[in-house]
PDB file of N, CA and C in Angstrom:
ATOM      1  N   UNK A   1      35.718  45.290 170.914  1.00  0.00           N
ATOM      2  CA  UNK A   1      36.616  46.284 170.361  1.00  0.00           C
ATOM      3  C   UNK A   1      36.440  47.601 171.095  1.00  0.00           C
ATOM      4  N   UNK A   2      37.445  48.432 170.976  1.00  0.00           N
ATOM      5  CA  UNK A   2      37.405  49.728 171.636  1.00  0.00           C
ATOM      6  C   UNK A   2      37.184  50.837 170.621  1.00  0.00           C
ATOM      7  N   UNK A   3      36.645  51.930 171.115  1.00  0.00           N
ATOM      8  CA  UNK A   3      36.467  53.113 170.282  1.00  0.00           C
ATOM      9  C   UNK A   3      36.952  54.331 171.058  1.00  0.00           C
ATOM     10  N   UNK A   4      37.283  55.373 170.335  1.00  0.00           N
ATOM     11  CA  UNK A   4      37.761  56.610 170.937  1.00  0.00           C
ATOM     12  C   UNK A   4      36.836  57.732 170.506  1.00  0.00           C
ATOM     13  N   UNK A   5      36.502  58.603 171.445  1.00  0.00           N
ATOM     14  CA  UNK A   5      35.716  59.785 171.131  1.00  0.00           C
ATOM     15  C   UNK A   5      36.527  61.028 171.470  1.00  0.00           C
ATOM     16  N   UNK A   6      36.234  62.098 170.759  1.00  0.00           N
ATOM     17  CA  UNK A   6      36.900  63.378 170.965  1.00  0.00           C
ATOM     18  C   UNK A   6      35.856  64.388 171.405  1.00  0.00           C
ATOM     19  N   UNK A   7      36.113  65.058 172.526  1.00  0.00           N
ATOM     20  CA  UNK A   7      35.270  66.169 172.951  1.00  0.00           C
ATOM     21  C   UNK A   7      35.816  67.403 172.239  1.00  0.00           C
ATOM     22  N   UNK A   8      35.183  67.767 171.145  1.00  0.00           N
ATOM     23  CA  UNK A   8      35.681  68.860 170.314  1.00  0.00           C
ATOM     24  C   UNK A   8      35.688  70.196 171.044  1.00  0.00           C
ATOM     25  N   UNK A   9      34.843  70.348 172.049  1.00  0.00           N
ATOM     26  CA  UNK A   9      34.820  71.583 172.822  1.00  0.00           C
ATOM     27  C   UNK A   9      36.023  71.701 173.754  1.00  0.00           C
ATOM     28  N   UNK A  10      36.585  70.567 174.145  1.00  0.00           N
ATOM     29  CA  UNK A  10      37.751  70.566 175.042  1.00  0.00           C
ATOM     30  C   UNK A  10      39.072  70.567 174.288  1.00  0.00           C
ATOM     31  N   UNK A  11      39.094  69.966 173.106  1.00  0.00           N
ATOM     32  CA  UNK A  11      40.336  69.819 172.346  1.00  0.00           C
ATOM     33  C   UNK A  11      40.920  71.194 172.027  1.00  0.00           C
ATOM     34  N   UNK A  12      42.195  71.378 172.366  1.00  0.00           N
ATOM     35  CA  UNK A  12      42.888  72.639 172.113  1.00  0.00           C
ATOM     36  C   UNK A  12      43.937  72.511 171.010  1.00  0.00           C
ATOM     37  N   UNK A  13      43.994  71.350 170.358  1.00  0.00           N
ATOM     38  CA  UNK A  13      44.880  71.178 169.221  1.00  0.00           C
ATOM     39  C   UNK A  13      46.357  71.083 169.552  1.00  0.00           C
ATOM     40  N   UNK A  14      46.688  70.589 170.733  1.00  0.00           N
ATOM     41  CA  UNK A  14      48.096  70.438 171.100  1.00  0.00           C
ATOM     42  C   UNK A  14      48.816  69.441 170.197  1.00  0.00           C
ATOM     43  N   UNK A  15      48.104  68.429 169.705  1.00  0.00           N
ATOM     44  CA  UNK A  15      48.673  67.465 168.775  1.00  0.00           C
ATOM     45  C   UNK A  15      49.478  66.347 169.414  1.00  0.00           C
ATOM     46  N   UNK A  16      49.474  66.260 170.736  1.00  0.00           N
ATOM     47  CA  UNK A  16      50.223  65.194 171.396  1.00  0.00           C
ATOM     48  C   UNK A  16      49.654  63.826 171.054  1.00  0.00           C
ATOM     49  N   UNK A  17      48.346  63.746 170.887  1.00  0.00           N
ATOM     50  CA  UNK A  17      47.733  62.470 170.506  1.00  0.00           C
ATOM     51  C   UNK A  17      48.248  62.027 169.147  1.00  0.00           C
ATOM     52  N   UNK A  18      48.311  62.953 168.211  1.00  0.00           N
ATOM     53  CA  UNK A  18      48.797  62.644 166.867  1.00  0.00           C
ATOM     54  C   UNK A  18      50.271  62.267 166.898  1.00  0.00           C
ATOM     55  N   UNK A  19      51.063  62.964 167.697  1.00  0.00           N
ATOM     56  CA  UNK A  19      52.490  62.637 167.810  1.00  0.00           C
ATOM     57  C   UNK A  19      52.691  61.248 168.401  1.00  0.00           C
ATOM     58  N   UNK A  20      51.871  60.886 169.379  1.00  0.00           N
ATOM     59  CA  UNK A  20      51.999  59.616 170.087  1.00  0.00           C
ATOM     60  C   UNK A  20      51.379  58.460 169.318  1.00  0.00           C
ATOM     61  N   UNK A  21      50.271  58.719 168.651  1.00  0.00           N
ATOM     62  CA  UNK A  21      49.520  57.657 167.968  1.00  0.00           C
ATOM     63  C   UNK A  21      49.102  58.110 166.569  1.00  0.00           C
ATOM     64  N   UNK A  22      50.063  58.279 165.663  1.00  0.00           N
ATOM     65  CA  UNK A  22      49.734  58.804 164.335  1.00  0.00           C
ATOM     66  C   UNK A  22      48.860  57.895 163.481  1.00  0.00           C
ATOM     67  N   UNK A  23      48.774  56.617 163.830  1.00  0.00           N
ATOM     68  CA  UNK A  23      47.883  55.716 163.095  1.00  0.00           C
ATOM     69  C   UNK A  23      46.441  55.826 163.576  1.00  0.00           C
ATOM     70  N   UNK A  24      46.228  56.552 164.667  1.00  0.00           N
ATOM     71  CA  UNK A  24      44.899  56.675 165.262  1.00  0.00           C
ATOM     72  C   UNK A  24      44.344  58.091 165.134  1.00  0.00           C
ATOM     73  N   UNK A  25      45.197  59.096 165.331  1.00  0.00           N
ATOM     74  CA  UNK A  25      44.735  60.486 165.400  1.00  0.00           C
ATOM     75  C   UNK A  25      45.409  61.361 164.358  1.00  0.00           C
ATOM     76  N   UNK A  26      44.657  62.368 163.927  1.00  0.00           N
ATOM     77  CA  UNK A  26      45.220  63.471 163.169  1.00  0.00           C
ATOM     78  C   UNK A  26      44.447  64.722 163.560  1.00  0.00           C
ATOM     79  N   UNK A  27      45.023  65.872 163.286  1.00  0.00           N
ATOM     80  CA  UNK A  27      44.326  67.124 163.549  1.00  0.00           C
ATOM     81  C   UNK A  27      43.693  67.606 162.252  1.00  0.00           C
ATOM     82  N   UNK A  28      42.450  68.075 162.343  1.00  0.00           N
ATOM     83  CA  UNK A  28      41.781  68.589 161.151  1.00  0.00           C
ATOM     84  C   UNK A  28      42.229  70.033 160.892  1.00  0.00           C
ATOM     85  N   UNK A  29      41.656  70.673 159.899  1.00  0.00           N
ATOM     86  CA  UNK A  29      42.050  72.036 159.530  1.00  0.00           C
ATOM     87  C   UNK A  29      41.782  73.048 160.635  1.00  0.00           C
ATOM     88  N   UNK A  30      40.873  72.710 161.557  1.00  0.00           N
ATOM     89  CA  UNK A  30      40.576  73.594 162.682  1.00  0.00           C
ATOM     90  C   UNK A  30      41.446  73.286 163.895  1.00  0.00           C
ATOM     91  N   UNK A  31      42.362  72.317 163.764  1.00  0.00           N
ATOM     92  CA  UNK A  31      43.235  71.962 164.878  1.00  0.00           C
ATOM     93  C   UNK A  31      42.575  71.073 165.911  1.00  0.00           C
ATOM     94  N   UNK A  32      41.530  70.374 165.530  1.00  0.00           N
ATOM     95  CA  UNK A  32      40.807  69.473 166.435  1.00  0.00           C
ATOM     96  C   UNK A  32      41.166  68.032 166.082  1.00  0.00           C
ATOM     97  N   UNK A  33      41.385  67.225 167.106  1.00  0.00           N
ATOM     98  CA  UNK A  33      41.735  65.820 166.900  1.00  0.00           C
ATOM     99  C   UNK A  33      40.594  65.074 166.210  1.00  0.00           C
ATOM    100  N   UNK A  34      40.984  64.202 165.293  1.00  0.00           N
ATOM    101  CA  UNK A  34      40.049  63.344 164.571  1.00  0.00           C
ATOM    102  C   UNK A  34      40.542  61.909 164.730  1.00  0.00           C
ATOM    103  N   UNK A  35      39.622  61.002 165.024  1.00  0.00           N
ATOM    104  CA  UNK A  35      39.948  59.582 165.158  1.00  0.00           C
ATOM    105  C   UNK A  35      39.838  58.939 163.773  1.00  0.00           C
ATOM    106  N   UNK A  36      40.873  58.217 163.373  1.00  0.00           N
ATOM    107  CA  UNK A  36      40.928  57.656 162.031  1.00  0.00           C
ATOM    108  C   UNK A  36      40.271  56.286 161.901  1.00  0.00           C
ATOM    109  N   UNK A  37      40.002  55.607 163.010  1.00  0.00           N
ATOM    110  CA  UNK A  37      39.417  54.258 162.963  1.00  0.00           C
ATOM    111  C   UNK A  37      38.255  54.148 163.945  1.00  0.00           C
ATOM    112  N   UNK A  38      37.134  53.620 163.453  1.00  0.00           N
ATOM    113  CA  UNK A  38      35.957  53.375 164.298  1.00  0.00           C
ATOM    114  C   UNK A  38      35.434  51.982 163.988  1.00  0.00           C
ATOM    115  N   UNK A  39      35.558  51.016 164.816  1.00  0.00           N
ATOM    116  CA  UNK A  39      36.294  50.980 166.089  1.00  0.00           C
ATOM    117  C   UNK A  39      37.804  50.870 165.845  1.00  0.00           C
ATOM    118  N   UNK A  40      38.555  50.900 166.927  1.00  0.00           N
ATOM    119  CA  UNK A  40      40.006  50.788 166.860  1.00  0.00           C
ATOM    120  C   UNK A  40      40.368  49.326 166.576  1.00  0.00           C
ATOM    121  N   UNK A  41      41.177  49.067 165.555  1.00  0.00           N
ATOM    122  CA  UNK A  41      41.619  47.689 165.307  1.00  0.00           C
ATOM    123  C   UNK A  41      42.417  47.165 166.514  1.00  0.00           C
ATOM    124  N   UNK A  42      42.235  45.913 166.875  1.00  0.00           N
ATOM    125  CA  UNK A  42      42.941  45.368 168.045  1.00  0.00           C
ATOM    126  C   UNK A  42      44.450  45.601 168.017  1.00  0.00           C
ATOM    127  N   UNK A  43      45.064  45.546 166.855  1.00  0.00           N
ATOM    128  CA  UNK A  43      46.511  45.744 166.764  1.00  0.00           C
ATOM    129  C   UNK A  43      46.933  47.172 167.113  1.00  0.00           C
ATOM    130  N   UNK A  44      45.984  48.116 167.100  1.00  0.00           N
ATOM    131  CA  UNK A  44      46.300  49.513 167.389  1.00  0.00           C
ATOM    132  C   UNK A  44      45.767  49.986 168.741  1.00  0.00           C
ATOM    133  N   UNK A  45      45.249  49.065 169.537  1.00  0.00           N
ATOM    134  CA  UNK A  45      44.650  49.435 170.818  1.00  0.00           C
ATOM    135  C   UNK A  45      45.648  50.124 171.746  1.00  0.00           C
ATOM    136  N   UNK A  46      46.837  49.578 171.886  1.00  0.00           N
ATOM    137  CA  UNK A  46      47.828  50.197 172.788  1.00  0.00           C
ATOM    138  C   UNK A  46      48.212  51.589 172.322  1.00  0.00           C
ATOM    139  N   UNK A  47      48.349  51.765 171.022  1.00  0.00           N
ATOM    140  CA  UNK A  47      48.682  53.077 170.488  1.00  0.00           C
ATOM    141  C   UNK A  47      47.555  54.072 170.783  1.00  0.00           C
ATOM    142  N   UNK A  48      46.315  53.642 170.618  1.00  0.00           N
ATOM    143  CA  UNK A  48      45.166  54.504 170.908  1.00  0.00           C
ATOM    144  C   UNK A  48      45.136  54.885 172.380  1.00  0.00           C
ATOM    145  N   UNK A  49      45.354  53.913 173.256  1.00  0.00           N
ATOM    146  CA  UNK A  49      45.358  54.192 174.695  1.00  0.00           C
ATOM    147  C   UNK A  49      46.451  55.186 175.054  1.00  0.00           C
ATOM    148  N   UNK A  50      47.615  55.056 174.439  1.00  0.00           N
ATOM    149  CA  UNK A  50      48.717  55.986 174.708  1.00  0.00           C
ATOM    150  C   UNK A  50      48.355  57.395 174.246  1.00  0.00           C
ATOM    151  N   UNK A  51      47.731  57.513 173.086  1.00  0.00           N
ATOM    152  CA  UNK A  51      47.307  58.814 172.593  1.00  0.00           C
ATOM    153  C   UNK A  51      46.289  59.478 173.491  1.00  0.00           C
ATOM    154  N   UNK A  52      45.376  58.695 174.022  1.00  0.00           N
ATOM    155  CA  UNK A  52      44.366  59.219 174.945  1.00  0.00           C
ATOM    156  C   UNK A  52      45.039  59.717 176.227  1.00  0.00           C
ATOM    157  N   UNK A  53      45.993  58.957 176.741  1.00  0.00           N
ATOM    158  CA  UNK A  53      46.661  59.322 178.000  1.00  0.00           C
ATOM    159  C   UNK A  53      47.426  60.635 177.924  1.00  0.00           C
ATOM    160  N   UNK A  54      47.995  60.958 176.775  1.00  0.00           N
ATOM    161  CA  UNK A  54      48.836  62.155 176.700  1.00  0.00           C
ATOM    162  C   UNK A  54      48.060  63.451 176.478  1.00  0.00           C
ATOM    163  N   UNK A  55      46.775  63.367 176.270  1.00  0.00           N
ATOM    164  CA  UNK A  55      45.989  64.591 176.033  1.00  0.00           C
ATOM    165  C   UNK A  55      46.019  65.462 177.297  1.00  0.00           C
ATOM    166  N   UNK A  56      46.567  66.679 177.199  1.00  0.00           N
ATOM    167  CA  UNK A  56      46.693  67.526 178.388  1.00  0.00           C
ATOM    168  C   UNK A  56      45.383  68.134 178.871  1.00  0.00           C
ATOM    169  N   UNK A  57      44.329  68.068 178.056  1.00  0.00           N
ATOM    170  CA  UNK A  57      43.042  68.644 178.464  1.00  0.00           C
ATOM    171  C   UNK A  57      41.945  67.593 178.593  1.00  0.00           C
ATOM    172  N   UNK A  58      42.328  66.324 178.556  1.00  0.00           N
ATOM    173  CA  UNK A  58      41.399  65.196 178.716  1.00  0.00           C
ATOM    174  C   UNK A  58      40.209  65.280 177.740  1.00  0.00           C
ATOM    175  N   UNK A  59      40.528  65.583 176.486  1.00  0.00           N
ATOM    176  CA  UNK A  59      39.483  65.687 175.461  1.00  0.00           C
ATOM    177  C   UNK A  59      39.177  64.344 174.804  1.00  0.00           C
ATOM    178  N   UNK A  60      39.959  63.326 175.135  1.00  0.00           N
ATOM    179  CA  UNK A  60      39.812  62.015 174.496  1.00  0.00           C
ATOM    180  C   UNK A  60      39.325  60.982 175.493  1.00  0.00           C
ATOM    181  N   UNK A  61      38.455  60.102 175.036  1.00  0.00           N
ATOM    182  CA  UNK A  61      37.941  59.020 175.867  1.00  0.00           C
ATOM    183  C   UNK A  61      37.999  57.725 175.064  1.00  0.00           C
ATOM    184  N   UNK A  62      38.360  56.639 175.746  1.00  0.00           N
ATOM    185  CA  UNK A  62      38.366  55.324 175.104  1.00  0.00           C
ATOM    186  C   UNK A  62      37.380  54.438 175.846  1.00  0.00           C
ATOM    187  N   UNK A  63      36.625  53.670 175.091  1.00  0.00           N
ATOM    188  CA  UNK A  63      35.604  52.811 175.697  1.00  0.00           C
ATOM    189  C   UNK A  63      35.423  51.563 174.858  1.00  0.00           C
ATOM    190  N   UNK A  64      34.872  50.542 175.486  1.00  0.00           N
ATOM    191  CA  UNK A  64      34.505  49.325 174.747  1.00  0.00           C
ATOM    192  C   UNK A  64      33.315  49.675 173.868  1.00  0.00           C
ATOM    193  N   UNK A  65      33.352  49.161 172.645  1.00  0.00           N
ATOM    194  CA  UNK A  65      32.220  49.449 171.742  1.00  0.00           C
ATOM    195  C   UNK A  65      31.419  48.201 171.483  1.00  0.00           C
TER     196      UNK A  65
END
């Protein structure tokens, strides 16, 4: 299975990950991306990968867990 991590120091709260993959990401009250599933369910892997790709500051990473 895959997992996603957020570099909270890099995240600028653009919200593109949430717009692209709302079943995987949301922004917290501080505007930082939060991953909703650990690990990512196989049915949501493509959505997670798409959310990671659209991050303009490369604050998201996906890896095998």
